[in-house]
Amino acid sequence: MKKDQLSREIEEKFKQESNKVIDNAEDKDKHSKLLTIIISVIMSSVILGSLVYLDLCQ
């Protein structure tokens, strides 16, 4: 009887830890997507700015 209770507790703890790992992975994905978007916007603005600058210089 104690073994069953102990095994249930271990199983619950394992499920909790696995859910934490999944949540952390999702957070990292969100951060990497946001970083990719920010870098893309910065690169696009630099390219457009350089094209406008070249056009105004001529």
PDB file of N, CA and C in Angstrom:
ATOM      1  N   MET A   1       0.820  -1.191   0.000  1.00  0.00           N
ATOM      2  CA  MET A   1       0.000   0.000   0.000  1.00  0.00           C
ATOM      3  C   MET A   1       0.870   1.263   0.000  1.00  0.00           C
ATOM      4  N   LYS A   2       1.904   1.269   0.809  1.00  0.00           N
ATOM      5  CA  LYS A   2       2.804   2.417   0.833  1.00  0.00           C
ATOM      6  C   LYS A   2       3.564   2.527  -0.480  1.00  0.00           C
ATOM      7  N   LYS A   3       3.868   1.389  -1.077  1.00  0.00           N
ATOM      8  CA  LYS A   3       4.581   1.411  -2.360  1.00  0.00           C
ATOM      9  C   LYS A   3       3.716   2.041  -3.436  1.00  0.00           C
ATOM     10  N   ASP A   4       2.415   1.737  -3.423  1.00  0.00           N
ATOM     11  CA  ASP A   4       1.515   2.333  -4.408  1.00  0.00           C
ATOM     12  C   ASP A   4       1.432   3.846  -4.237  1.00  0.00           C
ATOM     13  N   GLN A   5       1.338   4.276  -2.996  1.00  0.00           N
ATOM     14  CA  GLN A   5       1.269   5.706  -2.724  1.00  0.00           C
ATOM     15  C   GLN A   5       2.568   6.393  -3.137  1.00  0.00           C
ATOM     16  N   LEU A   6       3.673   5.764  -2.838  1.00  0.00           N
ATOM     17  CA  LEU A   6       4.968   6.325  -3.206  1.00  0.00           C
ATOM     18  C   LEU A   6       5.127   6.385  -4.719  1.00  0.00           C
ATOM     19  N   SER A   7       4.709   5.336  -5.391  1.00  0.00           N
ATOM     20  CA  SER A   7       4.829   5.333  -6.852  1.00  0.00           C
ATOM     21  C   SER A   7       3.924   6.393  -7.476  1.00  0.00           C
ATOM     22  N   ARG A   8       2.750   6.621  -6.891  1.00  0.00           N
ATOM     23  CA  ARG A   8       1.862   7.677  -7.390  1.00  0.00           C
ATOM     24  C   ARG A   8       2.496   9.054  -7.201  1.00  0.00           C
ATOM     25  N   GLU A   9       3.097   9.261  -6.044  1.00  0.00           N
ATOM     26  CA  GLU A   9       3.748  10.544  -5.784  1.00  0.00           C
ATOM     27  C   GLU A   9       4.906  10.777  -6.745  1.00  0.00           C
ATOM     28  N   ILE A  10       5.673   9.737  -6.985  1.00  0.00           N
ATOM     29  CA  ILE A  10       6.796   9.853  -7.925  1.00  0.00           C
ATOM     30  C   ILE A  10       6.279  10.153  -9.325  1.00  0.00           C
ATOM     31  N   GLU A  11       5.208   9.493  -9.709  1.00  0.00           N
ATOM     32  CA  GLU A  11       4.632   9.711 -11.036  1.00  0.00           C
ATOM     33  C   GLU A  11       4.107  11.144 -11.172  1.00  0.00           C
ATOM     34  N   GLU A  12       3.455  11.653 -10.133  1.00  0.00           N
ATOM     35  CA  GLU A  12       2.957  13.030 -10.170  1.00  0.00           C
ATOM     36  C   GLU A  12       4.107  14.036 -10.277  1.00  0.00           C
ATOM     37  N   LYS A  13       5.157  13.818  -9.514  1.00  0.00           N
ATOM     38  CA  LYS A  13       6.321  14.714  -9.578  1.00  0.00           C
ATOM     39  C   LYS A  13       6.959  14.676 -10.961  1.00  0.00           C
ATOM     40  N   PHE A  14       7.035  13.485 -11.538  1.00  0.00           N
ATOM     41  CA  PHE A  14       7.612  13.347 -12.872  1.00  0.00           C
ATOM     42  C   PHE A  14       6.780  14.117 -13.893  1.00  0.00           C
ATOM     43  N   LYS A  15       5.454  14.017 -13.790  1.00  0.00           N
ATOM     44  CA  LYS A  15       4.577  14.744 -14.709  1.00  0.00           C
ATOM     45  C   LYS A  15       4.756  16.250 -14.549  1.00  0.00           C
ATOM     46  N   GLN A  16       4.869  16.709 -13.308  1.00  0.00           N
ATOM     47  CA  GLN A  16       5.063  18.139 -13.067  1.00  0.00           C
ATOM     48  C   GLN A  16       6.370  18.633 -13.683  1.00  0.00           C
ATOM     49  N   GLU A  17       7.425  17.879 -13.497  1.00  0.00           N
ATOM     50  CA  GLU A  17       8.726  18.275 -14.043  1.00  0.00           C
ATOM     51  C   GLU A  17       8.720  18.250 -15.566  1.00  0.00           C
ATOM     52  N   SER A  18       8.066  17.258 -16.152  1.00  0.00           N
ATOM     53  CA  SER A  18       8.021  17.197 -17.617  1.00  0.00           C
ATOM     54  C   SER A  18       7.207  18.358 -18.173  1.00  0.00           C
ATOM     55  N   ASN A  19       6.149  18.762 -17.468  1.00  0.00           N
ATOM     56  CA  ASN A  19       5.374  19.928 -17.902  1.00  0.00           C
ATOM     57  C   ASN A  19       6.200  21.203 -17.809  1.00  0.00           C
ATOM     58  N   LYS A  20       7.041  21.315 -16.789  1.00  0.00           N
ATOM     59  CA  LYS A  20       7.911  22.484 -16.661  1.00  0.00           C
ATOM     60  C   LYS A  20       8.891  22.556 -17.823  1.00  0.00           C
ATOM     61  N   VAL A  21       9.433  21.414 -18.212  1.00  0.00           N
ATOM     62  CA  VAL A  21      10.381  21.379 -19.326  1.00  0.00           C
ATOM     63  C   VAL A  21       9.696  21.807 -20.614  1.00  0.00           C
ATOM     64  N   ILE A  22       8.474  21.333 -20.835  1.00  0.00           N
ATOM     65  CA  ILE A  22       7.730  21.700 -22.042  1.00  0.00           C
ATOM     66  C   ILE A  22       7.442  23.198 -22.046  1.00  0.00           C
ATOM     67  N   ASP A  23       7.036  23.750 -20.896  1.00  0.00           N
ATOM     68  CA  ASP A  23       6.754  25.186 -20.806  1.00  0.00           C
ATOM     69  C   ASP A  23       7.998  26.014 -21.092  1.00  0.00           C
ATOM     70  N   ASN A  24       9.140  25.599 -20.564  1.00  0.00           N
ATOM     71  CA  ASN A  24      10.385  26.330 -20.800  1.00  0.00           C
ATOM     72  C   ASN A  24      10.768  26.297 -22.270  1.00  0.00           C
ATOM     73  N   ALA A  25      10.547  25.165 -22.928  1.00  0.00           N
ATOM     74  CA  ALA A  25      10.867  25.058 -24.353  1.00  0.00           C
ATOM     75  C   ALA A  25       9.980  25.992 -25.169  1.00  0.00           C
ATOM     76  N   GLU A  26       8.700  26.090 -24.806  1.00  0.00           N
ATOM     77  CA  GLU A  26       7.798  26.986 -25.520  1.00  0.00           C
ATOM     78  C   GLU A  26       8.211  28.442 -25.324  1.00  0.00           C
ATOM     79  N   ASP A  27       8.643  28.797 -24.121  1.00  0.00           N
ATOM     80  CA  ASP A  27       9.106  30.160 -23.867  1.00  0.00           C
ATOM     81  C   ASP A  27      10.326  30.489 -24.716  1.00  0.00           C
ATOM     82  N   LYS A  28      11.243  29.548 -24.842  1.00  0.00           N
ATOM     83  CA  LYS A  28      12.437  29.777 -25.654  1.00  0.00           C
ATOM     84  C   LYS A  28      12.066  29.964 -27.115  1.00  0.00           C
ATOM     85  N   ASP A  29      11.076  29.183 -27.601  1.00  0.00           N
ATOM     86  CA  ASP A  29      10.633  29.340 -28.981  1.00  0.00           C
ATOM     87  C   ASP A  29      10.043  30.727 -29.210  1.00  0.00           C
ATOM     88  N   LYS A  30       9.252  31.198 -28.258  1.00  0.00           N
ATOM     89  CA  LYS A  30       8.654  32.529 -28.392  1.00  0.00           C
ATOM     90  C   LYS A  30       9.727  33.607 -28.416  1.00  0.00           C
ATOM     91  N   HIS A  31      10.717  33.476 -27.550  1.00  0.00           N
ATOM     92  CA  HIS A  31      11.791  34.471 -27.505  1.00  0.00           C
ATOM     93  C   HIS A  31      12.614  34.453 -28.787  1.00  0.00           C
ATOM     94  N   SER A  32      12.880  33.272 -29.317  1.00  0.00           N
ATOM     95  CA  SER A  32      13.679  33.204 -30.541  1.00  0.00           C
ATOM     96  C   SER A  32      12.903  33.761 -31.731  1.00  0.00           C
ATOM     97  N   LYS A  33      11.589  33.526 -31.780  1.00  0.00           N
ATOM     98  CA  LYS A  33      10.785  34.093 -32.865  1.00  0.00           C
ATOM     99  C   LYS A  33      10.750  35.611 -32.772  1.00  0.00           C
ATOM    100  N   LEU A  34      10.597  36.122 -31.563  1.00  0.00           N
ATOM    101  CA  LEU A  34      10.576  37.569 -31.374  1.00  0.00           C
ATOM    102  C   LEU A  34      11.911  38.189 -31.767  1.00  0.00           C
ATOM    103  N   LEU A  35      12.996  37.550 -31.382  1.00  0.00           N
ATOM    104  CA  LEU A  35      14.320  38.044 -31.738  1.00  0.00           C
ATOM    105  C   LEU A  35      14.518  38.033 -33.249  1.00  0.00           C
ATOM    106  N   THR A  36      14.046  36.991 -33.913  1.00  0.00           N
ATOM    107  CA  THR A  36      14.146  36.904 -35.370  1.00  0.00           C
ATOM    108  C   THR A  36      13.371  38.034 -36.036  1.00  0.00           C
ATOM    109  N   ILE A  37      12.185  38.316 -35.539  1.00  0.00           N
ATOM    110  CA  ILE A  37      11.373  39.398 -36.104  1.00  0.00           C
ATOM    111  C   ILE A  37      12.062  40.745 -35.910  1.00  0.00           C
ATOM    112  N   ILE A  38      12.591  40.981 -34.726  1.00  0.00           N
ATOM    113  CA  ILE A  38      13.262  42.257 -34.449  1.00  0.00           C
ATOM    114  C   ILE A  38      14.480  42.436 -35.344  1.00  0.00           C
ATOM    115  N   ILE A  39      15.279  41.389 -35.489  1.00  0.00           N
ATOM    116  CA  ILE A  39      16.466  41.472 -36.348  1.00  0.00           C
ATOM    117  C   ILE A  39      16.063  41.706 -37.797  1.00  0.00           C
ATOM    118  N   SER A  40      14.999  41.053 -38.249  1.00  0.00           N
ATOM    119  CA  SER A  40      14.531  41.242 -39.624  1.00  0.00           C
ATOM    120  C   SER A  40      14.086  42.677 -39.866  1.00  0.00           C
ATOM    121  N   VAL A  41      13.376  43.253 -38.917  1.00  0.00           N
ATOM    122  CA  VAL A  41      12.921  44.641 -39.064  1.00  0.00           C
ATOM    123  C   VAL A  41      14.114  45.588 -39.100  1.00  0.00           C
ATOM    124  N   ILE A  42      15.086  45.364 -38.241  1.00  0.00           N
ATOM    125  CA  ILE A  42      16.277  46.225 -38.220  1.00  0.00           C
ATOM    126  C   ILE A  42      17.039  46.118 -39.536  1.00  0.00           C
ATOM    127  N   MET A  43      17.224  44.904 -40.024  1.00  0.00           N
ATOM    128  CA  MET A  43      17.950  44.724 -41.286  1.00  0.00           C
ATOM    129  C   MET A  43      17.200  45.363 -42.446  1.00  0.00           C
ATOM    130  N   SER A  44      15.884  45.220 -42.473  1.00  0.00           N
ATOM    131  CA  SER A  44      15.092  45.824 -43.543  1.00  0.00           C
ATOM    132  C   SER A  44      15.188  47.339 -43.509  1.00  0.00           C
ATOM    133  N   SER A  45      15.133  47.918 -42.314  1.00  0.00           N
ATOM    134  CA  SER A  45      15.222  49.378 -42.223  1.00  0.00           C
ATOM    135  C   SER A  45      16.602  49.879 -42.631  1.00  0.00           C
ATOM    136  N   VAL A  46      17.648  49.129 -42.316  1.00  0.00           N
ATOM    137  CA  VAL A  46      18.999  49.522 -42.735  1.00  0.00           C
ATOM    138  C   VAL A  46      19.115  49.475 -44.255  1.00  0.00           C
ATOM    139  N   ILE A  47      18.597  48.433 -44.866  1.00  0.00           N
ATOM    140  CA  ILE A  47      18.657  48.310 -46.331  1.00  0.00           C
ATOM    141  C   ILE A  47      17.864  49.428 -46.995  1.00  0.00           C
ATOM    142  N   LEU A  48      16.636  49.668 -46.508  1.00  0.00           N
ATOM    143  CA  LEU A  48      15.830  50.741 -47.094  1.00  0.00           C
ATOM    144  C   LEU A  48      16.482  52.104 -46.879  1.00  0.00           C
ATOM    145  N   GLY A  49      17.042  52.306 -45.708  1.00  0.00           N
ATOM    146  CA  GLY A  49      17.720  53.572 -45.433  1.00  0.00           C
ATOM    147  C   GLY A  49      18.905  53.789 -46.347  1.00  0.00           C
ATOM    148  N   SER A  50      19.674  52.745 -46.601  1.00  0.00           N
ATOM    149  CA  SER A  50      20.830  52.898 -47.489  1.00  0.00           C
ATOM    150  C   SER A  50      20.386  53.147 -48.923  1.00  0.00           C
ATOM    151  N   LEU A  51      19.295  52.528 -49.355  1.00  0.00           N
ATOM    152  CA  LEU A  51      18.788  52.776 -50.707  1.00  0.00           C
ATOM    153  C   LEU A  51      18.292  54.211 -50.849  1.00  0.00           C
ATOM    154  N   VAL A  52      17.593  54.708 -49.844  1.00  0.00           N
ATOM    155  CA  VAL A  52      17.117  56.093 -49.881  1.00  0.00           C
ATOM    156  C   VAL A  52      18.301  57.053 -49.870  1.00  0.00           C
ATOM    157  N   TYR A  53      19.290  56.771 -49.067  1.00  0.00           N
ATOM    158  CA  TYR A  53      20.486  57.621 -49.001  1.00  0.00           C
ATOM    159  C   TYR A  53      21.195  57.659 -50.353  1.00  0.00           C
ATOM    160  N   LEU A  54      21.348  56.480 -50.987  1.00  0.00           N
ATOM    161  CA  LEU A  54      21.998  56.433 -52.297  1.00  0.00           C
ATOM    162  C   LEU A  54      21.181  57.184 -53.338  1.00  0.00           C
ATOM    163  N   ASP A  55      19.866  57.104 -53.250  1.00  0.00           N
ATOM    164  CA  ASP A  55      19.004  57.788 -54.206  1.00  0.00           C
ATOM    165  C   ASP A  55      19.088  59.301 -54.021  1.00  0.00           C
ATOM    166  N   LEU A  56      19.183  59.753 -52.784  1.00  0.00           N
ATOM    167  CA  LEU A  56      19.261  61.193 -52.530  1.00  0.00           C
ATOM    168  C   LEU A  56      20.619  61.765 -52.898  1.00  0.00           C
ATOM    169  N   CYS A  57      21.660  60.961 -52.849  1.00  0.00           N
ATOM    170  CA  CYS A  57      23.006  61.446 -53.170  1.00  0.00           C
ATOM    171  C   CYS A  57      23.196  61.643 -54.661  1.00  0.00           C
ATOM    172  N   GLN A  58      22.429  60.993 -55.469  1.00  0.00           N
ATOM    173  CA  GLN A  58      22.639  61.094 -56.921  1.00  0.00           C
ATOM    174  C   GLN A  58      21.945  62.265 -57.517  1.00  0.00           C
TER     175      GLN A  58
END
